[in-house]
């Protein structure tokens, strides 16, 4: 398979994810749990990404272009029911070398894996509903240094990310779960079910 064909495939996979998300949002089915159609698509994409990484290595900017490399990272980020894929993606991105992937991609993937494993995150990229019903960062390893760490990988200050996330949730109609305890229990059960913990 040529790198140009691979790039086209990765972009198409990410576009299909975006299209499904938009359809689920439009019909009011996006929020309230991991939608079965979304999970099925994420798992298909995850399996294909793993095959690509095993055959070709990580799709770096110099090999497939910025958009396809970004698409590969987004597919990895959405592979939440496949810890093996997310961990393989993180290792591949780390091994890719300076300048061949976006530093922020490494930060997001590292944080997402930490949160799913039940560990504090470093960069504050992962947010969820807090006890006050606001979107907030999930367990920070070093709150005093989080903005410094974010800046080191090209991310805006945490307060800016939170403001955007909260505005996006309002715009899309996402609301705090009516039963936070049940919501958190379901999240923990999912993490155990798929092998994060």
Protein backbone atom coordinates (compact mmCIF):
# COMPACT_ATOMS: atom_id res chain seq x y z
CA UNK A 1 0.00 0.00 0.00
CA UNK A 2 1.38 3.41 -0.92
CA UNK A 3 1.70 6.12 1.70
CA UNK A 4 -0.70 8.31 -0.30
CA UNK A 5 -3.33 5.55 -0.19
CA UNK A 6 -2.71 5.08 3.52
CA UNK A 7 -3.13 8.82 4.12
CA UNK A 8 -6.43 8.84 2.23
CA UNK A 9 -7.69 5.86 4.25
CA UNK A 10 -6.78 7.43 7.61
CA UNK A 11 -8.52 10.70 6.72
CA UNK A 12 -11.62 8.82 5.54
CA UNK A 13 -11.74 6.84 8.80
CA UNK A 14 -11.62 10.03 10.88
CA UNK A 15 -14.24 11.68 8.65
CA UNK A 16 -16.57 8.70 9.13
CA UNK A 17 -16.17 9.11 12.90
CA UNK A 18 -17.05 12.82 12.63
CA UNK A 19 -20.09 12.05 10.47
CA UNK A 20 -21.43 9.45 12.90
CA UNK A 21 -20.90 11.82 15.84
CA UNK A 22 -22.82 14.55 14.00
CA UNK A 23 -25.71 12.16 13.22
CA UNK A 24 -25.93 10.99 16.83
CA UNK A 25 -25.81 14.58 18.05
CA UNK A 26 -28.56 15.62 15.64
CA UNK A 27 -30.92 12.88 16.81
CA UNK A 28 -30.10 13.42 20.50
CA UNK A 29 -28.36 10.08 21.03
CA UNK A 30 -24.74 11.20 21.46
CA UNK A 31 -24.72 11.73 25.22
CA UNK A 32 -25.78 9.34 27.95
CA UNK A 33 -23.28 6.55 27.50
CA UNK A 34 -21.07 5.03 24.84
CA UNK A 35 -23.45 4.60 21.91
CA UNK A 36 -23.21 1.08 20.42
CA UNK A 37 -22.79 2.40 16.86
CA UNK A 38 -19.98 4.71 17.98
CA UNK A 39 -18.27 1.90 19.88
CA UNK A 40 -18.50 -0.44 16.87
CA UNK A 41 -16.99 2.19 14.58
CA UNK A 42 -14.23 3.01 17.07
CA UNK A 43 -13.37 -0.67 17.41
CA UNK A 44 -13.22 -1.19 13.62
CA UNK A 45 -11.02 1.89 13.26
CA UNK A 46 -8.83 0.77 16.18
CA UNK A 47 -8.25 -2.65 14.64
CA UNK A 48 -7.31 -1.10 11.31
CA UNK A 49 -5.00 1.47 12.94
CA UNK A 50 -3.21 -1.28 14.85
CA UNK A 51 -2.68 -3.22 11.61
CA UNK A 52 -1.32 -0.06 9.95
CA UNK A 53 1.05 0.68 12.83
CA UNK A 54 2.34 -2.91 12.88
CA UNK A 55 2.92 -2.89 9.12
CA UNK A 56 4.21 0.65 8.60
CA UNK A 57 5.01 2.23 11.97
CA UNK A 58 3.30 5.37 13.19
CA UNK A 59 1.84 7.55 10.38
CA UNK A 60 4.13 10.52 10.90
CA UNK A 61 3.74 13.94 9.32
CA UNK A 62 6.70 13.43 7.00
CA UNK A 63 5.27 10.16 5.66
CA UNK A 64 1.51 10.76 5.33
CA UNK A 65 1.09 14.51 5.83
CA UNK A 66 -0.24 16.53 8.75
CA UNK A 67 -3.95 15.79 8.18
CA UNK A 68 -3.53 12.01 7.93
CA UNK A 69 -1.16 11.95 10.90
CA UNK A 70 -3.72 13.94 12.90
CA UNK A 71 -6.42 11.50 11.78
CA UNK A 72 -4.36 8.54 13.01
CA UNK A 73 -3.98 10.21 16.40
CA UNK A 74 -7.72 10.93 16.62
CA UNK A 75 -8.47 7.29 15.82
CA UNK A 76 -6.10 6.27 18.62
CA UNK A 77 -7.75 8.74 21.02
CA UNK A 78 -11.13 7.20 20.27
CA UNK A 79 -9.93 3.61 20.75
CA UNK A 80 -11.12 3.67 24.35
CA UNK A 81 -12.32 0.07 24.36
CA UNK A 82 -8.95 -1.13 23.03
CA UNK A 83 -6.22 -0.41 25.61
CA UNK A 84 -3.75 -2.37 23.47
CA UNK A 85 -4.27 0.02 20.56
CA UNK A 86 -3.97 3.16 22.67
CA UNK A 87 -0.82 1.89 24.39
CA UNK A 88 0.72 0.83 21.07
CA UNK A 89 -0.10 4.24 19.60
CA UNK A 90 1.52 6.00 22.55
CA UNK A 91 4.68 3.89 22.24
CA UNK A 92 4.80 4.48 18.48
CA UNK A 93 4.34 8.23 18.84
CA UNK A 94 7.05 8.36 21.52
CA UNK A 95 9.41 6.43 19.23
CA UNK A 96 8.63 8.58 16.17
CA UNK A 97 11.05 11.34 17.07
CA UNK A 98 10.99 15.08 17.51
CA UNK A 99 9.09 17.01 14.85
CA UNK A 100 7.47 13.98 13.22
CA UNK A 101 4.33 14.12 15.37
CA UNK A 102 2.61 16.92 17.25
CA UNK A 103 3.76 17.10 20.89
CA UNK A 104 0.20 17.82 22.01
CA UNK A 105 -0.89 14.46 20.56
CA UNK A 106 1.49 12.69 22.91
CA UNK A 107 0.15 14.72 25.85
CA UNK A 108 -3.50 13.96 25.08
CA UNK A 109 -2.88 10.25 24.58
CA UNK A 110 -0.70 9.97 27.69
CA UNK A 111 -3.36 11.73 29.78
CA UNK A 112 -6.23 9.66 28.39
CA UNK A 113 -4.43 6.42 29.16
CA UNK A 114 -3.60 7.62 32.68
CA UNK A 115 -7.23 8.51 33.40
CA UNK A 116 -8.53 5.19 32.07
CA UNK A 117 -5.95 3.39 34.21
CA UNK A 118 -7.11 5.38 37.24
CA UNK A 119 -3.93 7.47 37.55
CA UNK A 120 -3.56 11.28 37.70
CA UNK A 121 -2.93 13.02 34.39
CA UNK A 122 -0.06 15.44 33.71
CA UNK A 123 -1.41 17.88 31.13
CA UNK A 124 -5.05 18.27 32.16
CA UNK A 125 -6.39 17.35 28.75
CA UNK A 126 -9.06 14.97 30.08
CA UNK A 127 -12.13 16.55 31.59
CA UNK A 128 -15.33 15.20 33.07
CA UNK A 129 -18.19 16.23 35.33
CA UNK A 130 -17.10 17.20 38.84
CA UNK A 131 -19.13 17.03 42.07
CA UNK A 132 -20.48 20.54 41.40
CA UNK A 133 -21.81 19.57 37.97
CA UNK A 134 -19.12 21.40 35.98
CA UNK A 135 -16.70 20.05 33.42
CA UNK A 136 -13.31 20.02 35.14
CA UNK A 137 -9.96 18.26 34.72
CA UNK A 138 -9.84 14.71 36.01
CA UNK A 139 -7.24 14.20 38.78
CA UNK A 140 -4.12 16.27 38.06
CA UNK A 141 -0.70 14.93 39.04
CA UNK A 142 0.77 18.41 39.60
CA UNK A 143 -1.86 21.19 39.53
CA UNK A 144 0.71 23.90 40.27
CA UNK A 145 2.73 23.03 37.14
CA UNK A 146 -0.05 22.02 34.77
CA UNK A 147 0.04 25.21 32.67
CA UNK A 148 3.83 25.01 32.40
CA UNK A 149 3.57 21.40 31.22
CA UNK A 150 0.80 22.33 28.80
CA UNK A 151 2.89 25.15 27.34
CA UNK A 152 5.80 22.75 26.81
CA UNK A 153 3.68 20.77 24.33
CA UNK A 154 1.96 23.72 22.69
CA UNK A 155 -1.31 23.65 24.61
CA UNK A 156 -3.17 26.74 25.82
CA UNK A 157 -3.61 27.35 29.56
CA UNK A 158 -6.01 24.96 31.27
CA UNK A 159 -8.51 27.73 32.03
CA UNK A 160 -8.86 28.40 28.28
CA UNK A 161 -9.43 24.72 27.50
CA UNK A 162 -12.07 24.48 30.22
CA UNK A 163 -13.88 27.58 28.97
CA UNK A 164 -13.99 26.14 25.43
CA UNK A 165 -15.12 22.72 26.65
CA UNK A 166 -17.87 24.18 28.80
CA UNK A 167 -19.08 26.42 25.97
CA UNK A 168 -19.04 23.46 23.57
CA UNK A 169 -21.07 21.34 26.00
CA UNK A 170 -23.67 24.11 26.33
CA UNK A 171 -23.82 24.56 22.56
CA UNK A 172 -24.32 20.83 21.96
CA UNK A 173 -26.79 20.39 24.81
CA UNK A 174 -24.57 18.14 26.92
CA UNK A 175 -25.67 18.18 30.56
CA UNK A 176 -24.35 16.81 33.80
CA UNK A 177 -25.66 13.28 34.37
CA UNK A 178 -28.67 13.22 36.68
CA UNK A 179 -27.01 10.53 38.82
CA UNK A 180 -23.28 11.25 39.03
CA UNK A 181 -22.61 8.22 41.22
CA UNK A 182 -24.20 5.86 38.68
CA UNK A 183 -22.39 7.64 35.83
CA UNK A 184 -19.04 7.18 37.55
CA UNK A 185 -19.80 3.58 38.44
CA UNK A 186 -20.61 2.87 34.78
CA UNK A 187 -17.34 4.55 33.69
CA UNK A 188 -15.35 2.45 36.15
CA UNK A 189 -17.16 -0.72 35.08
CA UNK A 190 -16.35 0.05 31.43
CA UNK A 191 -12.67 0.56 32.28
CA UNK A 192 -12.58 -2.82 34.00
CA UNK A 193 -14.59 -4.56 31.28
CA UNK A 194 -12.24 -3.60 28.48
CA UNK A 195 -9.03 -4.18 30.48
CA UNK A 196 -7.83 -0.77 31.58
CA UNK A 197 -7.83 -1.79 35.25
